[in-house]
Amino acid sequence: NQETIAASGGIIPLVALLKHGQSGAQETAAGAIAKLGESATNRVSIAEEGAIPLLVALFDGGSEDSMEQVELALQNLAIQNNKNQLAIAYRLVDKLKEGSIAAQEHVTRLIETLAQDAENRGAIAKAGAVPELVRQLEQGSEKAMGMAASGLALIALKSAEHQATVTQELVKLLASKNEAVRQRASEALRKMASDDNPKNAKKRP
């Protein structure tokens, strides 16, 4: 069915609904795009029709159900597609900079989720996510703090260079006057130390 819908021209009107549809239609369109994105060929077509920036834009003002569909759609579009991974990462980082508090929380959660897949970590780091996640850990909501700390620890697994950068930023936060910030930074450093232990190599995401 995914191939038939795409071959019948179904991707174009679905992407149009992301931009012009009512909230219910946008949620349904995002859900349909998430399913269509399970196909490697469809991932290319969906991105070419401009779906990625439209999906990320929905993080501002969408319902919780809508956000779940958007997150799933972006996760699927990133699978084994380097171009999409970069496009998604850059858009998410931009949203962290300028989005609402609620949007920033959703985006932080998605970045953490994407970073659990090793092939996404390079794109996330290249897009400039590290300083923005540090800002979320320092200034975001309590929920965002935890997800940002986890995301930073996962990005550190990408390479020794990323590990050094993340470690440096987290060590700075250990001097924060905010106890919650110090705690989250400490937890992230412990997680990094645990993940870097050769005995735990098989446990890495």
N, C-alpha and C. Protein backbone atom coordinates (compact mmCIF):
# COMPACT_ATOMS: atom_id res chain seq x y z
N ASN A 1 0.83 -1.21 0.00
CA ASN A 1 0.00 0.00 0.00
C ASN A 1 0.86 1.26 0.00
N GLN A 2 1.97 1.21 0.72
CA GLN A 2 2.85 2.39 0.76
C GLN A 2 3.34 2.73 -0.64
N GLU A 3 3.74 1.72 -1.39
CA GLU A 3 4.23 1.94 -2.75
C GLU A 3 3.12 2.42 -3.66
N THR A 4 1.93 1.85 -3.47
CA THR A 4 0.79 2.23 -4.33
C THR A 4 0.39 3.67 -4.08
N ILE A 5 0.32 4.08 -2.82
CA ILE A 5 -0.05 5.46 -2.48
C ILE A 5 0.94 6.44 -3.07
N ALA A 6 2.23 6.12 -2.93
CA ALA A 6 3.25 7.01 -3.48
C ALA A 6 3.17 7.07 -5.00
N ALA A 7 3.01 5.91 -5.63
CA ALA A 7 2.94 5.86 -7.10
C ALA A 7 1.70 6.58 -7.63
N SER A 8 0.68 6.66 -6.81
CA SER A 8 -0.57 7.32 -7.23
C SER A 8 -0.54 8.82 -6.96
N GLY A 9 0.59 9.33 -6.50
CA GLY A 9 0.72 10.77 -6.26
C GLY A 9 0.22 11.21 -4.89
N GLY A 10 0.17 10.29 -3.94
CA GLY A 10 -0.40 10.63 -2.63
C GLY A 10 0.50 11.46 -1.74
N ILE A 11 1.81 11.47 -2.02
CA ILE A 11 2.72 12.21 -1.15
C ILE A 11 2.50 13.72 -1.24
N ILE A 12 2.30 14.22 -2.44
CA ILE A 12 2.17 15.67 -2.65
C ILE A 12 1.02 16.27 -1.84
N PRO A 13 -0.22 15.73 -1.93
CA PRO A 13 -1.31 16.32 -1.14
C PRO A 13 -1.13 16.14 0.37
N LEU A 14 -0.47 15.06 0.77
CA LEU A 14 -0.22 14.87 2.21
C LEU A 14 0.73 15.95 2.73
N VAL A 15 1.77 16.25 1.98
CA VAL A 15 2.69 17.31 2.38
C VAL A 15 1.98 18.66 2.38
N ALA A 16 1.09 18.87 1.41
CA ALA A 16 0.33 20.13 1.36
C ALA A 16 -0.54 20.29 2.61
N LEU A 17 -1.08 19.19 3.12
CA LEU A 17 -1.90 19.25 4.33
C LEU A 17 -1.08 19.67 5.54
N LEU A 18 0.19 19.32 5.55
CA LEU A 18 1.05 19.75 6.66
C LEU A 18 1.13 21.27 6.75
N LYS A 19 1.02 21.91 5.59
CA LYS A 19 1.16 23.36 5.54
C LYS A 19 -0.17 24.08 5.66
N HIS A 20 -1.21 23.54 5.01
CA HIS A 20 -2.47 24.28 4.91
C HIS A 20 -3.64 23.64 5.65
N GLY A 21 -3.49 22.41 6.12
CA GLY A 21 -4.61 21.72 6.74
C GLY A 21 -4.90 22.19 8.15
N GLN A 22 -6.09 21.86 8.65
CA GLN A 22 -6.43 22.11 10.04
C GLN A 22 -5.61 21.16 10.92
N SER A 23 -5.62 21.40 12.23
CA SER A 23 -4.77 20.63 13.13
C SER A 23 -5.02 19.13 13.03
N GLY A 24 -6.29 18.73 12.93
CA GLY A 24 -6.60 17.31 12.82
C GLY A 24 -6.07 16.72 11.53
N ALA A 25 -6.18 17.47 10.46
CA ALA A 25 -5.68 17.00 9.16
C ALA A 25 -4.15 16.93 9.17
N GLN A 26 -3.52 17.89 9.83
CA GLN A 26 -2.06 17.88 9.92
C GLN A 26 -1.58 16.66 10.68
N GLU A 27 -2.26 16.33 11.77
CA GLU A 27 -1.90 15.16 12.56
C GLU A 27 -2.03 13.88 11.73
N THR A 28 -3.15 13.77 11.00
CA THR A 28 -3.37 12.58 10.18
C THR A 28 -2.35 12.50 9.05
N ALA A 29 -2.05 13.65 8.44
CA ALA A 29 -1.07 13.68 7.35
C ALA A 29 0.32 13.28 7.87
N ALA A 30 0.68 13.77 9.06
CA ALA A 30 1.98 13.41 9.64
C ALA A 30 2.04 11.91 9.92
N GLY A 31 0.94 11.35 10.39
CA GLY A 31 0.88 9.91 10.64
C GLY A 31 1.02 9.11 9.36
N ALA A 32 0.35 9.58 8.29
CA ALA A 32 0.46 8.89 7.00
C ALA A 32 1.88 8.97 6.45
N ILE A 33 2.50 10.15 6.60
CA ILE A 33 3.86 10.33 6.13
C ILE A 33 4.82 9.44 6.92
N ALA A 34 4.55 9.30 8.21
CA ALA A 34 5.38 8.41 9.04
C ALA A 34 5.35 6.99 8.49
N LYS A 35 4.17 6.50 8.12
CA LYS A 35 4.06 5.15 7.57
C LYS A 35 4.70 5.05 6.20
N LEU A 36 4.46 6.05 5.36
CA LEU A 36 5.06 6.03 4.03
C LEU A 36 6.58 6.10 4.12
N GLY A 37 7.09 6.76 5.16
CA GLY A 37 8.53 6.90 5.35
C GLY A 37 9.23 5.62 5.73
N GLU A 38 8.48 4.56 5.93
CA GLU A 38 9.10 3.26 6.20
C GLU A 38 9.77 2.70 4.94
N SER A 39 9.39 3.26 3.79
CA SER A 39 9.98 2.86 2.51
C SER A 39 11.15 3.78 2.17
N ALA A 40 12.30 3.20 1.83
CA ALA A 40 13.49 3.99 1.50
C ALA A 40 13.25 4.94 0.33
N THR A 41 12.55 4.45 -0.68
CA THR A 41 12.25 5.29 -1.84
C THR A 41 11.35 6.45 -1.46
N ASN A 42 10.35 6.16 -0.65
CA ASN A 42 9.43 7.22 -0.22
C ASN A 42 10.12 8.28 0.62
N ARG A 43 11.13 7.89 1.40
CA ARG A 43 11.85 8.87 2.22
C ARG A 43 12.45 9.96 1.35
N VAL A 44 12.97 9.55 0.21
CA VAL A 44 13.56 10.52 -0.72
C VAL A 44 12.48 11.44 -1.28
N SER A 45 11.38 10.85 -1.73
CA SER A 45 10.30 11.63 -2.35
C SER A 45 9.67 12.59 -1.34
N ILE A 46 9.45 12.13 -0.13
CA ILE A 46 8.82 12.96 0.91
C ILE A 46 9.70 14.17 1.20
N ALA A 47 11.02 13.94 1.33
CA ALA A 47 11.93 15.05 1.59
C ALA A 47 11.97 16.02 0.42
N GLU A 48 11.97 15.49 -0.80
CA GLU A 48 12.02 16.35 -1.99
C GLU A 48 10.79 17.23 -2.11
N GLU A 49 9.67 16.79 -1.56
CA GLU A 49 8.44 17.59 -1.60
C GLU A 49 8.40 18.65 -0.49
N GLY A 50 9.46 18.69 0.34
CA GLY A 50 9.54 19.74 1.36
C GLY A 50 8.89 19.41 2.68
N ALA A 51 8.75 18.13 3.00
CA ALA A 51 8.03 17.75 4.21
C ALA A 51 8.80 18.04 5.49
N ILE A 52 10.13 17.95 5.45
CA ILE A 52 10.92 18.07 6.69
C ILE A 52 10.72 19.40 7.40
N PRO A 53 10.90 20.56 6.74
CA PRO A 53 10.67 21.82 7.46
C PRO A 53 9.23 22.00 7.92
N LEU A 54 8.28 21.46 7.16
CA LEU A 54 6.88 21.57 7.54
C LEU A 54 6.58 20.72 8.78
N LEU A 55 7.16 19.56 8.85
CA LEU A 55 6.98 18.69 10.03
C LEU A 55 7.58 19.36 11.26
N VAL A 56 8.79 19.87 11.14
CA VAL A 56 9.43 20.52 12.29
C VAL A 56 8.66 21.75 12.73
N ALA A 57 8.07 22.47 11.79
CA ALA A 57 7.29 23.66 12.13
C ALA A 57 6.10 23.32 13.02
N LEU A 58 5.58 22.10 12.91
CA LEU A 58 4.42 21.69 13.70
C LEU A 58 4.74 21.52 15.18
N PHE A 59 6.03 21.56 15.55
CA PHE A 59 6.37 21.47 16.96
C PHE A 59 5.86 22.68 17.74
N ASP A 60 5.58 23.75 17.05
CA ASP A 60 5.00 24.93 17.71
C ASP A 60 3.49 24.90 17.57
N GLY A 61 2.79 24.66 18.67
CA GLY A 61 1.35 24.78 18.67
C GLY A 61 0.58 23.51 18.39
N GLY A 62 1.24 22.41 18.14
CA GLY A 62 0.53 21.17 17.86
C GLY A 62 0.10 20.45 19.12
N SER A 63 -0.87 19.55 18.98
CA SER A 63 -1.33 18.75 20.11
C SER A 63 -0.29 17.68 20.43
N GLU A 64 -0.44 17.05 21.61
CA GLU A 64 0.49 15.98 21.98
C GLU A 64 0.42 14.82 20.98
N ASP A 65 -0.78 14.47 20.55
CA ASP A 65 -0.93 13.39 19.57
C ASP A 65 -0.25 13.76 18.25
N SER A 66 -0.40 15.03 17.88
CA SER A 66 0.23 15.50 16.65
C SER A 66 1.75 15.42 16.75
N MET A 67 2.28 15.81 17.92
CA MET A 67 3.72 15.77 18.12
C MET A 67 4.27 14.35 18.02
N GLU A 68 3.52 13.40 18.52
CA GLU A 68 3.95 12.00 18.44
C GLU A 68 4.07 11.55 16.99
N GLN A 69 3.09 11.96 16.16
CA GLN A 69 3.13 11.59 14.75
C GLN A 69 4.28 12.28 14.03
N VAL A 70 4.51 13.55 14.36
CA VAL A 70 5.61 14.30 13.75
C VAL A 70 6.95 13.66 14.10
N GLU A 71 7.13 13.33 15.37
CA GLU A 71 8.38 12.72 15.81
C GLU A 71 8.61 11.38 15.10
N LEU A 72 7.56 10.58 14.99
CA LEU A 72 7.70 9.29 14.32
C LEU A 72 8.03 9.48 12.84
N ALA A 73 7.38 10.46 12.20
CA ALA A 73 7.65 10.72 10.79
C ALA A 73 9.12 11.11 10.58
N LEU A 74 9.63 12.00 11.43
CA LEU A 74 11.02 12.45 11.28
C LEU A 74 12.00 11.32 11.59
N GLN A 75 11.67 10.50 12.56
CA GLN A 75 12.52 9.33 12.86
C GLN A 75 12.62 8.42 11.64
N ASN A 76 11.48 8.14 11.01
CA ASN A 76 11.47 7.25 9.85
C ASN A 76 12.19 7.87 8.65
N LEU A 77 12.03 9.17 8.46
CA LEU A 77 12.68 9.83 7.33
C LEU A 77 14.20 9.83 7.47
N ALA A 78 14.70 9.70 8.70
CA ALA A 78 16.14 9.72 8.93
C ALA A 78 16.81 8.37 8.71
N ILE A 79 16.02 7.31 8.65
CA ILE A 79 16.59 5.96 8.58
C ILE A 79 17.41 5.76 7.30
N GLN A 80 18.68 5.46 7.48
CA GLN A 80 19.59 5.14 6.37
C GLN A 80 19.52 6.15 5.23
N ASN A 81 19.40 7.43 5.58
CA ASN A 81 19.37 8.48 4.58
C ASN A 81 20.16 9.67 5.12
N ASN A 82 21.43 9.76 4.74
CA ASN A 82 22.31 10.80 5.27
C ASN A 82 21.83 12.21 4.98
N LYS A 83 21.31 12.41 3.78
CA LYS A 83 20.82 13.74 3.41
C LYS A 83 19.67 14.16 4.31
N ASN A 84 18.73 13.26 4.53
CA ASN A 84 17.60 13.57 5.41
C ASN A 84 18.07 13.77 6.85
N GLN A 85 19.02 12.97 7.29
CA GLN A 85 19.53 13.10 8.66
C GLN A 85 20.06 14.51 8.90
N LEU A 86 20.84 15.01 7.95
CA LEU A 86 21.39 16.37 8.08
C LEU A 86 20.29 17.43 8.03
N ALA A 87 19.37 17.27 7.09
CA ALA A 87 18.29 18.25 6.96
C ALA A 87 17.45 18.31 8.22
N ILE A 88 17.13 17.15 8.77
CA ILE A 88 16.34 17.09 10.00
C ILE A 88 17.11 17.70 11.16
N ALA A 89 18.39 17.34 11.29
CA ALA A 89 19.20 17.83 12.40
C ALA A 89 19.31 19.36 12.39
N TYR A 90 19.56 19.93 11.22
CA TYR A 90 19.68 21.40 11.13
C TYR A 90 18.36 22.08 11.48
N ARG A 91 17.26 21.53 11.03
CA ARG A 91 15.96 22.11 11.34
C ARG A 91 15.64 22.01 12.83
N LEU A 92 16.00 20.90 13.44
CA LEU A 92 15.74 20.71 14.87
C LEU A 92 16.57 21.68 15.70
N VAL A 93 17.82 21.87 15.31
CA VAL A 93 18.68 22.81 16.04
C VAL A 93 18.13 24.23 15.92
N ASP A 94 17.67 24.59 14.73
CA ASP A 94 17.06 25.91 14.55
C ASP A 94 15.84 26.08 15.46
N LYS A 95 15.05 25.02 15.59
CA LYS A 95 13.85 25.08 16.43
C LYS A 95 14.24 25.21 17.90
N LEU A 96 15.34 24.59 18.29
CA LEU A 96 15.81 24.74 19.66
C LEU A 96 16.19 26.19 19.95
N LYS A 97 16.66 26.89 18.93
CA LYS A 97 17.08 28.27 19.11
C LYS A 97 15.90 29.24 19.18
N GLU A 98 14.85 28.96 18.42
CA GLU A 98 13.80 29.96 18.26
C GLU A 98 12.40 29.48 18.61
N GLY A 99 12.23 28.20 18.89
CA GLY A 99 10.90 27.67 19.15
C GLY A 99 10.38 28.00 20.54
N SER A 100 9.12 27.73 20.76
CA SER A 100 8.52 27.93 22.08
C SER A 100 9.13 26.95 23.08
N ILE A 101 8.86 27.17 24.36
CA ILE A 101 9.38 26.28 25.39
C ILE A 101 8.89 24.85 25.16
N ALA A 102 7.59 24.72 24.82
CA ALA A 102 7.03 23.39 24.56
C ALA A 102 7.71 22.75 23.35
N ALA A 103 7.93 23.54 22.30
CA ALA A 103 8.58 23.02 21.09
C ALA A 103 10.00 22.57 21.41
N GLN A 104 10.71 23.36 22.21
CA GLN A 104 12.08 23.01 22.56
C GLN A 104 12.13 21.69 23.33
N GLU A 105 11.14 21.47 24.17
CA GLU A 105 11.09 20.22 24.93
C GLU A 105 10.87 19.03 24.00
N HIS A 106 9.94 19.18 23.06
CA HIS A 106 9.67 18.10 22.10
C HIS A 106 10.89 17.83 21.23
N VAL A 107 11.55 18.90 20.79
CA VAL A 107 12.71 18.75 19.93
C VAL A 107 13.86 18.09 20.67
N THR A 108 14.06 18.48 21.93
CA THR A 108 15.11 17.86 22.73
C THR A 108 14.86 16.36 22.87
N ARG A 109 13.61 16.00 23.06
CA ARG A 109 13.26 14.58 23.17
C ARG A 109 13.56 13.86 21.86
N LEU A 110 13.23 14.48 20.74
CA LEU A 110 13.47 13.83 19.45
C LEU A 110 14.96 13.70 19.17
N ILE A 111 15.74 14.72 19.50
CA ILE A 111 17.18 14.64 19.29
C ILE A 111 17.77 13.50 20.11
N GLU A 112 17.31 13.37 21.35
CA GLU A 112 17.78 12.27 22.17
C GLU A 112 17.42 10.92 21.53
N THR A 113 16.19 10.83 21.04
CA THR A 113 15.75 9.58 20.40
C THR A 113 16.59 9.28 19.16
N LEU A 114 16.80 10.29 18.32
CA LEU A 114 17.59 10.10 17.11
C LEU A 114 19.03 9.71 17.44
N ALA A 115 19.58 10.28 18.51
CA ALA A 115 20.96 10.02 18.89
C ALA A 115 21.17 8.60 19.39
N GLN A 116 20.08 7.90 19.69
CA GLN A 116 20.21 6.51 20.11
C GLN A 116 20.65 5.61 18.94
N ASP A 117 20.45 6.12 17.72
CA ASP A 117 20.91 5.41 16.52
C ASP A 117 22.27 6.00 16.14
N ALA A 118 23.29 5.18 16.14
CA ALA A 118 24.66 5.66 15.92
C ALA A 118 24.81 6.45 14.61
N GLU A 119 24.06 6.07 13.58
CA GLU A 119 24.26 6.73 12.29
C GLU A 119 23.71 8.15 12.27
N ASN A 120 22.91 8.53 13.25
CA ASN A 120 22.38 9.89 13.30
C ASN A 120 23.28 10.85 14.06
N ARG A 121 24.19 10.33 14.86
CA ARG A 121 24.95 11.19 15.78
C ARG A 121 25.83 12.20 15.06
N GLY A 122 26.44 11.78 13.96
CA GLY A 122 27.29 12.70 13.22
C GLY A 122 26.52 13.90 12.70
N ALA A 123 25.35 13.64 12.14
CA ALA A 123 24.52 14.72 11.59
C ALA A 123 24.07 15.66 12.70
N ILE A 124 23.69 15.09 13.83
CA ILE A 124 23.23 15.91 14.96
C ILE A 124 24.34 16.82 15.45
N ALA A 125 25.54 16.27 15.59
CA ALA A 125 26.67 17.08 16.05
C ALA A 125 27.05 18.14 15.01
N LYS A 126 27.06 17.75 13.73
CA LYS A 126 27.43 18.68 12.66
C LYS A 126 26.46 19.86 12.59
N ALA A 127 25.21 19.61 12.93
CA ALA A 127 24.20 20.67 12.86
C ALA A 127 24.32 21.66 14.02
N GLY A 128 25.22 21.39 14.96
CA GLY A 128 25.41 22.32 16.07
C GLY A 128 24.53 22.05 17.28
N ALA A 129 24.18 20.79 17.48
CA ALA A 129 23.26 20.46 18.57
C ALA A 129 23.90 20.55 19.95
N VAL A 130 25.20 20.33 20.04
CA VAL A 130 25.84 20.28 21.37
C VAL A 130 25.61 21.55 22.18
N PRO A 131 25.95 22.75 21.67
CA PRO A 131 25.71 23.95 22.49
C PRO A 131 24.24 24.19 22.81
N GLU A 132 23.35 23.79 21.90
CA GLU A 132 21.93 23.98 22.17
C GLU A 132 21.42 23.01 23.22
N LEU A 133 21.93 21.79 23.22
CA LEU A 133 21.55 20.83 24.26
C LEU A 133 22.12 21.26 25.61
N VAL A 134 23.32 21.82 25.59
CA VAL A 134 23.90 22.36 26.83
C VAL A 134 23.01 23.46 27.38
N ARG A 135 22.51 24.31 26.49
CA ARG A 135 21.61 25.39 26.92
C ARG A 135 20.32 24.83 27.51
N GLN A 136 19.81 23.75 26.91
CA GLN A 136 18.61 23.12 27.45
C GLN A 136 18.89 22.52 28.82
N LEU A 137 20.05 21.94 28.98
CA LEU A 137 20.41 21.34 30.26
C LEU A 137 20.52 22.42 31.33
N GLU A 138 20.94 23.60 30.91
CA GLU A 138 21.16 24.70 31.86
C GLU A 138 19.91 25.53 32.10
N GLN A 139 19.09 25.70 31.05
CA GLN A 139 17.98 26.63 31.15
C GLN A 139 16.61 26.03 30.85
N GLY A 140 16.58 24.80 30.36
CA GLY A 140 15.32 24.20 29.95
C GLY A 140 14.49 23.70 31.12
N SER A 141 13.34 23.11 30.80
CA SER A 141 12.48 22.53 31.83
C SER A 141 13.18 21.33 32.46
N GLU A 142 12.65 20.87 33.58
CA GLU A 142 13.25 19.72 34.25
C GLU A 142 13.29 18.50 33.33
N LYS A 143 12.21 18.31 32.58
CA LYS A 143 12.15 17.19 31.64
C LYS A 143 13.19 17.35 30.53
N ALA A 144 13.31 18.59 30.01
CA ALA A 144 14.27 18.86 28.94
C ALA A 144 15.70 18.65 29.43
N MET A 145 15.96 19.00 30.68
CA MET A 145 17.31 18.82 31.24
C MET A 145 17.75 17.36 31.14
N GLY A 146 16.88 16.46 31.57
CA GLY A 146 17.22 15.04 31.54
C GLY A 146 17.45 14.53 30.14
N MET A 147 16.60 14.93 29.21
CA MET A 147 16.74 14.46 27.83
C MET A 147 17.97 15.05 27.17
N ALA A 148 18.28 16.33 27.50
CA ALA A 148 19.47 16.97 26.94
C ALA A 148 20.73 16.29 27.44
N ALA A 149 20.75 15.95 28.73
CA ALA A 149 21.91 15.27 29.30
C ALA A 149 22.13 13.92 28.63
N SER A 150 21.04 13.18 28.42
CA SER A 150 21.13 11.89 27.77
C SER A 150 21.59 12.04 26.32
N GLY A 151 21.04 13.04 25.63
CA GLY A 151 21.43 13.28 24.24
C GLY A 151 22.90 13.63 24.10
N LEU A 152 23.41 14.45 25.01
CA LEU A 152 24.82 14.82 24.98
C LEU A 152 25.71 13.59 25.19
N ALA A 153 25.32 12.75 26.14
CA ALA A 153 26.10 11.54 26.40
C ALA A 153 26.14 10.64 25.18
N LEU A 154 25.04 10.56 24.45
CA LEU A 154 24.99 9.72 23.26
C LEU A 154 25.83 10.30 22.13
N ILE A 155 25.77 11.62 21.96
CA ILE A 155 26.57 12.27 20.92
C ILE A 155 28.05 12.04 21.17
N ALA A 156 28.44 12.01 22.45
CA ALA A 156 29.85 11.80 22.81
C ALA A 156 30.38 10.47 22.31
N LEU A 157 29.48 9.52 22.06
CA LEU A 157 29.91 8.21 21.58
C LEU A 157 30.36 8.24 20.12
N LYS A 158 30.07 9.34 19.41
CA LYS A 158 30.38 9.43 17.99
C LYS A 158 31.89 9.33 17.74
N SER A 159 32.67 10.07 18.53
CA SER A 159 34.11 10.08 18.31
C SER A 159 34.80 10.66 19.53
N ALA A 160 36.14 10.51 19.57
CA ALA A 160 36.91 11.08 20.68
C ALA A 160 36.79 12.60 20.69
N GLU A 161 36.70 13.20 19.49
CA GLU A 161 36.57 14.65 19.40
C GLU A 161 35.26 15.12 20.03
N HIS A 162 34.17 14.43 19.70
CA HIS A 162 32.88 14.79 20.27
C HIS A 162 32.86 14.54 21.78
N GLN A 163 33.51 13.47 22.19
CA GLN A 163 33.56 13.17 23.62
C GLN A 163 34.27 14.28 24.37
N ALA A 164 35.37 14.78 23.82
CA ALA A 164 36.12 15.85 24.46
C ALA A 164 35.30 17.14 24.55
N THR A 165 34.59 17.44 23.46
CA THR A 165 33.77 18.66 23.42
C THR A 165 32.65 18.60 24.44
N VAL A 166 31.93 17.48 24.45
CA VAL A 166 30.82 17.33 25.38
C VAL A 166 31.30 17.33 26.82
N THR A 167 32.41 16.63 27.07
CA THR A 167 32.95 16.58 28.43
C THR A 167 33.31 17.96 28.93
N GLN A 168 33.93 18.74 28.08
CA GLN A 168 34.32 20.10 28.45
C GLN A 168 33.10 20.94 28.84
N GLU A 169 32.04 20.82 28.06
CA GLU A 169 30.83 21.60 28.33
C GLU A 169 30.16 21.15 29.63
N LEU A 170 30.13 19.84 29.84
CA LEU A 170 29.48 19.32 31.05
C LEU A 170 30.26 19.66 32.31
N VAL A 171 31.58 19.63 32.21
CA VAL A 171 32.40 19.99 33.36
C VAL A 171 32.15 21.45 33.77
N LYS A 172 31.97 22.31 32.79
CA LYS A 172 31.66 23.71 33.09
C LYS A 172 30.37 23.81 33.90
N LEU A 173 29.39 22.97 33.55
CA LEU A 173 28.09 23.03 34.23
C LEU A 173 28.16 22.52 35.67
N LEU A 174 29.20 21.79 36.00
CA LEU A 174 29.35 21.31 37.38
C LEU A 174 29.55 22.47 38.35
N ALA A 175 29.90 23.64 37.82
CA ALA A 175 30.09 24.83 38.66
C ALA A 175 28.83 25.69 38.73
N SER A 176 27.75 25.22 38.12
CA SER A 176 26.50 25.99 38.11
C SER A 176 25.96 26.18 39.53
N LYS A 177 25.28 27.29 39.75
CA LYS A 177 24.65 27.55 41.04
C LYS A 177 23.35 26.76 41.19
N ASN A 178 22.87 26.23 40.07
CA ASN A 178 21.62 25.46 40.07
C ASN A 178 21.94 23.99 40.36
N GLU A 179 21.41 23.49 41.47
CA GLU A 179 21.69 22.12 41.87
C GLU A 179 21.22 21.11 40.83
N ALA A 180 20.05 21.37 40.22
CA ALA A 180 19.51 20.46 39.22
C ALA A 180 20.44 20.37 38.01
N VAL A 181 21.00 21.51 37.61
CA VAL A 181 21.93 21.53 36.48
C VAL A 181 23.17 20.72 36.82
N ARG A 182 23.72 20.92 38.02
CA ARG A 182 24.90 20.17 38.44
C ARG A 182 24.62 18.67 38.45
N GLN A 183 23.43 18.32 38.93
CA GLN A 183 23.07 16.91 39.02
C GLN A 183 22.96 16.28 37.63
N ARG A 184 22.29 16.98 36.70
CA ARG A 184 22.13 16.44 35.35
C ARG A 184 23.47 16.33 34.64
N ALA A 185 24.33 17.32 34.83
CA ALA A 185 25.64 17.29 34.19
C ALA A 185 26.46 16.12 34.74
N SER A 186 26.36 15.92 36.04
CA SER A 186 27.08 14.81 36.68
C SER A 186 26.57 13.47 36.17
N GLU A 187 25.25 13.35 36.03
CA GLU A 187 24.66 12.11 35.53
C GLU A 187 25.13 11.83 34.11
N ALA A 188 25.20 12.87 33.29
CA ALA A 188 25.64 12.70 31.90
C ALA A 188 27.10 12.25 31.85
N LEU A 189 27.93 12.84 32.71
CA LEU A 189 29.34 12.45 32.75
C LEU A 189 29.50 11.00 33.20
N ARG A 190 28.68 10.59 34.17
CA ARG A 190 28.74 9.19 34.62
C ARG A 190 28.31 8.24 33.51
N LYS A 191 27.28 8.64 32.78
CA LYS A 191 26.80 7.81 31.66
C LYS A 191 27.87 7.69 30.59
N MET A 192 28.54 8.81 30.30
CA MET A 192 29.61 8.78 29.30
C MET A 192 30.73 7.85 29.75
N ALA A 193 31.10 7.94 31.04
CA ALA A 193 32.16 7.09 31.56
C ALA A 193 31.78 5.62 31.49
N SER A 194 30.51 5.34 31.75
CA SER A 194 30.02 3.96 31.69
C SER A 194 30.01 3.45 30.27
N ASP A 195 29.53 4.28 29.34
CA ASP A 195 29.47 3.88 27.93
C ASP A 195 30.85 3.71 27.33
N ASP A 196 31.84 4.45 27.86
CA ASP A 196 33.19 4.41 27.32
C ASP A 196 33.98 3.22 27.86
N ASN A 197 33.40 2.53 28.84
CA ASN A 197 34.06 1.37 29.42
C ASN A 197 34.00 0.21 28.43
N PRO A 198 35.13 -0.37 28.04
CA PRO A 198 35.14 -1.47 27.06
C PRO A 198 34.24 -2.62 27.47
N LYS A 199 34.03 -2.83 28.77
CA LYS A 199 33.19 -3.91 29.22
C LYS A 199 31.73 -3.69 28.84
N ASN A 200 31.40 -2.41 28.60
CA ASN A 200 30.02 -2.09 28.27
C ASN A 200 29.80 -1.85 26.79
N ALA A 201 30.83 -2.12 25.98
CA ALA A 201 30.75 -1.80 24.55
C ALA A 201 29.56 -2.45 23.88
N LYS A 202 29.24 -3.69 24.27
CA LYS A 202 28.14 -4.38 23.64
C LYS A 202 26.79 -3.81 24.03
N LYS A 203 26.76 -3.01 25.08
CA LYS A 203 25.50 -2.45 25.55
C LYS A 203 25.17 -1.13 24.90
N ARG A 204 26.09 -0.60 24.12
CA ARG A 204 25.84 0.70 23.51
C ARG A 204 24.66 0.63 22.56
N PRO A 205 23.89 1.75 22.49
CA PRO A 205 22.74 1.77 21.56
C PRO A 205 23.19 1.66 20.13
